[in-house]
Amino acid sequence: MDLSTSYLGMTLRTPLVPSASPLSGDLDNIKRMEDAGAAAVVLYSLFEEQLTRDRFELHHHLTQGTESFAEALTYFPEPTEFHLGPEAYLNHIRKAKDAVDIPIIASLNGASIGGWTSYAQQMQQAGADALELNVYHIPTDLEQTAAAVEQTYLDILQAVKAVVSIPVALKTGPFFSNMASMARRLDHAGADALVLFNRFYQPDIDLEALEVRPHVLLSTPQALRLPLTWIGILHGRIRADLAATSGIHDPPDVLKLLMVGANVTMLCSVLLERGIDHLRVLEQGVREWMAAHEYVSVRQMQGSMSQINCADSSAFERAHYVSSLHSYKLA
């Protein structure tokens, strides 16, 4: 049985890829992921704020004794908020490449061009097989237009593509007025893959302390429906590969995403909850289902249930929304 798939120009043994998470900050964990069957690993993200802080630290040493840096100390995140600094991250790429045989995908997380291009080059030089640009942008400027927001994504992608030769994936959220059009524009701008979707972590309020605090919620299987819908719509309509992320917990989740056209399925929350060895459970479950339903390869099923290949294409559109509401039965 052939579980291989193609992603970012690379042939992967299976479509199971651990996505960016704290797990990949530890070299032993990356080795365990490979042993458990991971086809590639996306490293923990290097954040734009780290690059900014790195430059301000240099400025601090050059201007020590002046008052120019005082406010910056209260504005930029403390070093302890990040897993790895810029130089340590590059060394981590090198060590990971030496330690395992599977592809290592570096990750940059931010919302502006900033120092991304310089570090993208350095990540390539450190040995990364590909880059994942995680654009985490929540517009709050009332004067900023939708067109300007979309252009930010295109500018970041094109700036990085101009300075590296390795494949580049763009991880984005779904919040565009026309996701289909935006996907096509990113495709035309050179994205080698789209990772669908980024999860925006909303803050919570501590009612006792009367403070706004970050609150990370791991994904649940219900989150699967959003990437499943859009991958099903986009498969066969754009050139870029499609990676599914969020809500993937069990073998049926992997199978469904492959059927709508995903090249790979990316795993984070489930590995944090159930451990790295859950990769073995997922692979075994996929193999067993394929054998029971007489599939000989992953490629045979990829896209078979996408909108472009589905007899009922309205299942991905408004017509199915209406019929779903009318078919619901009250208990």
Protein backbone atom coordinates (compact mmCIF):
# COMPACT_ATOMS: atom_id res chain seq x y z
CA MET A 1 0.00 0.00 0.00
CA ASP A 2 1.41 3.36 -1.07
CA LEU A 3 0.82 6.18 1.42
CA SER A 4 3.24 8.58 -0.28
CA THR A 5 2.23 12.10 -1.26
CA SER A 6 3.82 15.16 -2.82
CA TYR A 7 4.19 18.43 -0.91
CA LEU A 8 6.32 21.48 -1.72
CA GLY A 9 8.06 19.55 -4.47
CA MET A 10 9.07 16.79 -2.05
CA THR A 11 7.88 13.19 -2.06
CA LEU A 12 6.80 12.33 1.49
CA ARG A 13 6.34 8.82 2.86
CA THR A 14 2.87 9.65 4.25
CA PRO A 15 0.64 12.75 4.49
CA LEU A 16 1.23 13.01 8.27
CA VAL A 17 3.24 16.14 9.13
CA PRO A 18 3.58 17.63 12.64
CA SER A 19 2.92 21.36 12.35
CA ALA A 20 4.65 24.19 14.20
CA SER A 21 4.34 23.60 17.95
CA PRO A 22 6.49 23.66 21.10
CA LEU A 23 7.20 19.95 20.56
CA SER A 24 9.64 20.66 17.73
CA GLY A 25 11.74 22.93 19.90
CA ASP A 26 13.34 19.79 21.37
CA LEU A 27 15.68 17.78 19.15
CA ASP A 28 14.77 14.50 20.82
CA ASN A 29 11.11 15.14 20.03
CA ILE A 30 11.94 15.62 16.36
CA LYS A 31 13.76 12.27 16.39
CA ARG A 32 10.74 10.67 18.08
CA MET A 33 8.45 12.16 15.43
CA GLU A 34 10.53 10.61 12.68
CA ASP A 35 10.54 7.24 14.48
CA ALA A 36 6.75 7.42 14.95
CA GLY A 37 6.21 7.99 11.23
CA ALA A 38 6.21 11.76 10.64
CA ALA A 39 6.86 12.43 6.96
CA ALA A 40 8.29 15.91 7.64
CA VAL A 41 8.34 18.36 10.54
CA VAL A 42 7.45 22.05 10.63
CA LEU A 43 9.62 23.67 13.26
CA TYR A 44 8.37 25.92 16.02
CA SER A 45 7.92 29.45 14.64
CA LEU A 46 10.45 32.23 14.78
CA PHE A 47 8.39 35.33 15.54
CA GLU A 48 8.64 38.74 13.92
CA GLU A 49 8.83 40.26 17.41
CA GLN A 50 12.02 38.29 18.04
CA LEU A 51 13.62 39.74 14.94
CA THR A 52 12.53 43.23 15.95
CA ARG A 53 13.83 42.76 19.48
CA ASP A 54 17.10 41.41 18.10
CA ARG A 55 17.64 44.63 16.17
CA PHE A 56 16.71 46.79 19.16
CA GLU A 57 19.14 44.93 21.40
CA LEU A 58 21.91 45.83 18.98
CA HIS A 59 20.70 49.44 19.02
CA HIS A 60 20.72 49.35 22.82
CA HIS A 61 24.38 48.36 22.99
CA LEU A 62 25.28 51.04 20.47
CA THR A 63 23.39 53.76 22.35
CA GLN A 64 23.76 52.61 25.95
CA GLY A 65 23.50 55.53 28.36
CA THR A 66 20.91 57.44 26.36
CA GLU A 67 17.17 57.50 27.03
CA SER A 68 16.22 56.29 23.56
CA PHE A 69 15.65 52.67 24.59
CA ALA A 70 13.65 53.08 27.79
CA GLU A 71 10.17 52.82 26.28
CA ALA A 72 11.15 49.96 23.98
CA LEU A 73 11.87 47.80 27.02
CA THR A 74 8.22 48.01 28.02
CA TYR A 75 6.92 47.49 24.48
CA PHE A 76 8.77 44.47 23.16
CA PRO A 77 8.22 40.98 24.58
CA GLU A 78 10.68 39.62 27.09
CA PRO A 79 13.10 36.89 25.87
CA THR A 80 11.38 34.32 28.10
CA GLU A 81 8.18 34.63 26.04
CA PHE A 82 9.85 32.92 23.10
CA HIS A 83 11.11 29.39 22.71
CA LEU A 84 14.22 30.09 20.64
CA GLY A 85 16.00 33.30 19.66
CA PRO A 86 17.01 34.04 16.06
CA GLU A 87 20.55 32.62 16.23
CA ALA A 88 19.47 29.64 18.32
CA TYR A 89 16.71 28.94 15.81
CA LEU A 90 19.20 28.77 12.93
CA ASN A 91 21.38 26.40 14.96
CA HIS A 92 18.29 24.32 15.70
CA ILE A 93 17.66 23.92 11.98
CA ARG A 94 21.23 22.70 11.44
CA LYS A 95 21.02 20.23 14.32
CA ALA A 96 17.63 18.92 13.19
CA LYS A 97 18.94 18.37 9.65
CA ASP A 98 21.88 16.41 11.02
CA ALA A 99 19.69 14.36 13.36
CA VAL A 100 16.92 13.14 11.03
CA ASP A 101 16.40 12.16 7.41
CA ILE A 102 12.91 13.64 6.94
CA PRO A 103 12.44 17.19 5.55
CA ILE A 104 12.66 20.08 7.99
CA ILE A 105 10.38 23.04 7.27
CA ALA A 106 11.28 26.30 9.01
CA SER A 107 8.50 28.64 10.15
CA LEU A 108 8.35 32.45 10.29
CA ASN A 109 5.43 34.08 12.10
CA GLY A 110 4.55 37.72 11.66
CA ALA A 111 2.41 40.41 10.05
CA SER A 112 4.81 42.61 8.07
CA ILE A 113 7.86 42.23 5.85
CA GLY A 114 10.22 43.38 8.60
CA GLY A 115 13.37 41.27 8.82
CA TRP A 116 11.74 38.23 7.25
CA THR A 117 13.71 38.32 4.03
CA SER A 118 17.09 38.31 5.76
CA TYR A 119 16.18 35.45 8.07
CA ALA A 120 14.46 33.53 5.29
CA GLN A 121 17.80 33.52 3.48
CA GLN A 122 19.62 32.43 6.62
CA MET A 123 17.12 29.62 7.20
CA GLN A 124 17.78 28.36 3.71
CA GLN A 125 21.53 28.55 4.32
CA ALA A 126 21.07 26.66 7.62
CA GLY A 127 19.61 23.75 5.64
CA ALA A 128 15.82 24.15 5.83
CA ASP A 129 14.13 22.17 3.07
CA ALA A 130 11.27 24.67 2.82
CA LEU A 131 9.75 27.69 4.57
CA GLU A 132 6.30 28.19 6.04
CA LEU A 133 5.25 31.83 6.36
CA ASN A 134 2.64 32.10 9.08
CA VAL A 135 0.97 35.46 8.48
CA TYR A 136 -0.78 36.30 11.74
CA HIS A 137 -2.48 39.59 10.97
CA ILE A 138 -5.54 40.96 12.76
CA PRO A 139 -6.37 44.36 11.23
CA THR A 140 -7.62 46.91 13.78
CA ASP A 141 -7.04 50.14 11.87
CA LEU A 142 -10.47 51.52 10.92
CA GLU A 143 -8.94 53.32 7.96
CA GLN A 144 -7.19 50.27 6.46
CA THR A 145 -9.07 48.84 3.50
CA ALA A 146 -9.57 45.18 2.68
CA ALA A 147 -7.41 45.64 -0.40
CA ALA A 148 -4.55 46.96 1.75
CA VAL A 149 -4.85 44.00 4.13
CA GLU A 150 -4.71 41.52 1.26
CA GLN A 151 -1.73 43.32 -0.27
CA THR A 152 0.21 42.78 2.97
CA TYR A 153 0.03 39.01 2.43
CA LEU A 154 1.12 39.33 -1.19
CA ASP A 155 4.00 41.67 -0.32
CA ILE A 156 5.35 39.32 2.36
CA LEU A 157 5.13 36.31 0.06
CA GLN A 158 6.76 38.03 -2.91
CA ALA A 159 9.53 39.56 -0.78
CA VAL A 160 10.52 36.16 0.63
CA LYS A 161 10.17 34.35 -2.71
CA ALA A 162 12.54 36.90 -4.25
CA VAL A 163 15.42 35.96 -1.92
CA VAL A 164 15.13 32.17 -1.48
CA SER A 165 15.15 29.24 -3.88
CA ILE A 166 13.56 26.65 -1.57
CA PRO A 167 9.75 26.14 -1.65
CA VAL A 168 7.59 28.57 0.32
CA ALA A 169 4.22 27.76 1.90
CA LEU A 170 1.90 30.47 3.18
CA LYS A 171 -0.20 29.76 6.26
CA THR A 172 -3.19 32.05 6.39
CA GLY A 173 -6.52 32.52 8.09
CA PRO A 174 -9.90 32.30 6.36
CA PHE A 175 -11.05 35.85 7.03
CA PHE A 176 -11.11 37.37 3.56
CA SER A 177 -14.16 38.73 1.77
CA ASN A 178 -13.46 36.20 -1.01
CA MET A 179 -11.20 33.37 0.15
CA ALA A 180 -11.26 31.74 -3.28
CA SER A 181 -10.00 34.88 -5.02
CA MET A 182 -7.33 35.44 -2.37
CA ALA A 183 -6.11 31.87 -2.74
CA ARG A 184 -5.76 32.36 -6.48
CA ARG A 185 -3.86 35.65 -6.00
CA LEU A 186 -1.45 33.97 -3.57
CA ASP A 187 -1.07 31.12 -6.04
CA HIS A 188 -0.25 33.55 -8.86
CA ALA A 189 2.18 35.39 -6.56
CA GLY A 190 4.25 32.23 -6.25
CA ALA A 191 3.04 30.36 -3.17
CA ASP A 192 4.18 26.75 -3.49
CA ALA A 193 1.54 25.70 -0.96
CA LEU A 194 -1.28 27.15 1.12
CA VAL A 195 -1.69 25.95 4.69
CA LEU A 196 -5.35 26.21 5.71
CA PHE A 197 -5.91 27.59 8.27
CA ASN A 198 -4.14 29.68 10.88
CA ARG A 199 -6.05 29.83 14.17
CA PHE A 200 -6.37 33.27 15.74
CA TYR A 201 -6.18 33.05 19.52
CA GLN A 202 -8.64 35.45 21.10
CA PRO A 203 -7.99 36.81 24.60
CA ASP A 204 -10.16 36.11 27.63
CA ILE A 205 -11.03 38.24 30.66
CA ASP A 206 -10.12 37.31 34.21
CA LEU A 207 -13.17 38.52 36.15
CA GLU A 208 -11.36 38.44 39.51
CA ALA A 209 -8.20 40.25 38.47
CA LEU A 210 -10.06 42.39 35.89
CA GLU A 211 -7.34 41.71 33.35
CA VAL A 212 -7.31 40.71 29.71
CA ARG A 213 -5.27 37.53 29.41
CA PRO A 214 -4.23 35.21 26.58
CA HIS A 215 -6.14 31.95 26.51
CA VAL A 216 -4.97 29.14 24.25
CA LEU A 217 -7.57 26.52 23.38
CA LEU A 218 -6.41 23.41 21.56
CA SER A 219 -8.38 22.48 18.47
CA THR A 220 -11.29 20.04 18.55
CA PRO A 221 -12.49 17.74 15.73
CA GLN A 222 -15.21 20.30 14.93
CA ALA A 223 -12.52 22.67 13.63
CA LEU A 224 -11.93 20.23 10.77
CA ARG A 225 -14.93 21.46 8.78
CA LEU A 226 -13.43 24.81 7.77
CA PRO A 227 -10.24 23.52 6.11
CA LEU A 228 -12.22 20.59 4.69
CA THR A 229 -14.65 22.99 2.98
CA TRP A 230 -12.03 25.26 1.47
CA ILE A 231 -9.60 22.57 0.39
CA GLY A 232 -12.53 20.86 -1.30
CA ILE A 233 -13.35 24.09 -3.14
CA LEU A 234 -9.77 24.94 -4.13
CA HIS A 235 -8.50 21.51 -5.17
CA GLY A 236 -7.86 21.39 -8.90
CA ARG A 237 -8.41 25.14 -9.27
CA ILE A 238 -5.02 26.43 -8.16
CA ARG A 239 -1.51 25.18 -8.78
CA ALA A 240 -0.30 25.43 -5.16
CA ASP A 241 -0.32 22.38 -2.90
CA LEU A 242 -2.89 22.37 -0.09
CA ALA A 243 -2.05 21.52 3.51
CA ALA A 244 -4.82 20.99 6.05
CA THR A 245 -4.36 22.01 9.66
CA SER A 246 -6.64 22.29 12.71
CA GLY A 247 -9.07 19.67 13.98
CA ILE A 248 -7.17 16.58 12.81
CA HIS A 249 -7.34 14.05 15.64
CA ASP A 250 -8.21 10.60 14.30
CA PRO A 251 -7.73 8.50 11.13
CA PRO A 252 -11.14 9.48 9.64
CA ASP A 253 -10.10 13.14 9.85
CA VAL A 254 -6.99 12.42 7.78
CA LEU A 255 -8.98 10.40 5.23
CA LYS A 256 -11.65 13.06 4.77
CA LEU A 257 -9.09 15.78 4.12
CA LEU A 258 -7.22 13.63 1.62
CA MET A 259 -10.47 12.95 -0.21
CA VAL A 260 -11.23 16.64 -0.65
CA GLY A 261 -7.74 17.23 -2.00
CA ALA A 262 -5.22 17.86 0.80
CA ASN A 263 -1.62 17.00 -0.04
CA VAL A 264 -0.74 16.70 3.64
CA THR A 265 -2.51 16.80 6.99
CA MET A 266 -0.75 18.78 9.71
CA LEU A 267 -0.95 17.82 13.37
CA CYS A 268 -0.51 19.91 16.49
CA SER A 269 -3.19 19.76 19.21
CA VAL A 270 -3.59 15.99 19.02
CA LEU A 271 0.14 15.42 19.52
CA LEU A 272 0.16 17.79 22.49
CA GLU A 273 -2.83 15.97 23.99
CA ARG A 274 -2.11 12.32 23.12
CA GLY A 275 1.63 12.31 22.58
CA ILE A 276 3.95 11.92 19.61
CA ASP A 277 3.28 8.18 19.34
CA HIS A 278 -0.27 8.98 18.21
CA LEU A 279 1.30 9.34 14.75
CA ARG A 280 1.49 5.54 14.66
CA VAL A 281 -2.22 5.26 15.49
CA LEU A 282 -3.12 7.65 12.68
CA GLU A 283 -1.02 5.85 10.09
CA GLN A 284 -2.28 2.42 11.10
CA GLY A 285 -5.87 3.63 11.03
CA VAL A 286 -5.45 5.08 7.54
CA ARG A 287 -3.86 1.84 6.30
CA GLU A 288 -6.66 -0.29 7.74
CA TRP A 289 -9.41 1.83 6.20
CA MET A 290 -7.70 1.88 2.81
CA ALA A 291 -7.29 -1.90 2.87
CA ALA A 292 -10.94 -2.43 3.84
CA HIS A 293 -12.10 -0.15 1.01
CA GLU A 294 -9.63 -1.45 -1.59
CA TYR A 295 -7.56 1.70 -2.04
CA VAL A 296 -3.99 0.97 -3.08
CA SER A 297 -2.58 4.48 -2.70
CA VAL A 298 -3.20 7.86 -1.12
CA ARG A 299 -2.98 9.47 -4.55
CA GLN A 300 -5.93 7.35 -5.67
CA MET A 301 -8.21 9.02 -3.15
CA GLN A 302 -6.77 12.57 -3.16
CA GLY A 303 -9.37 15.00 -4.47
CA SER A 304 -11.96 12.31 -5.22
CA MET A 305 -14.51 14.15 -3.07
CA SER A 306 -13.48 17.72 -3.95
CA GLN A 307 -15.98 20.11 -5.43
CA ILE A 308 -14.51 19.76 -8.90
CA ASN A 309 -14.99 15.97 -8.78
CA CYS A 310 -18.13 15.76 -6.64
CA ALA A 311 -21.44 14.91 -8.32
CA ASP A 312 -23.20 17.19 -5.82
CA SER A 313 -21.05 20.31 -6.05
CA SER A 314 -23.67 22.25 -4.06
CA ALA A 315 -22.42 20.40 -0.98
CA PHE A 316 -19.68 23.02 -0.81
CA GLU A 317 -22.00 25.97 -1.44
CA ARG A 318 -25.09 27.79 -0.17
CA ALA A 319 -27.60 25.33 -1.63
CA HIS A 320 -26.36 22.65 0.75
CA TYR A 321 -26.54 25.11 3.66
CA VAL A 322 -30.26 25.59 3.03
CA SER A 323 -30.98 21.86 2.69
CA SER A 324 -28.97 21.11 5.84
CA LEU A 325 -31.07 23.49 7.92
CA HIS A 326 -34.33 22.07 6.58
CA SER A 327 -33.20 18.49 7.22
CA TYR A 328 -32.34 19.05 10.89
CA LYS A 329 -34.69 17.18 13.24
CA LEU A 330 -35.43 18.47 16.73
CA ALA A 331 -34.98 15.94 19.52
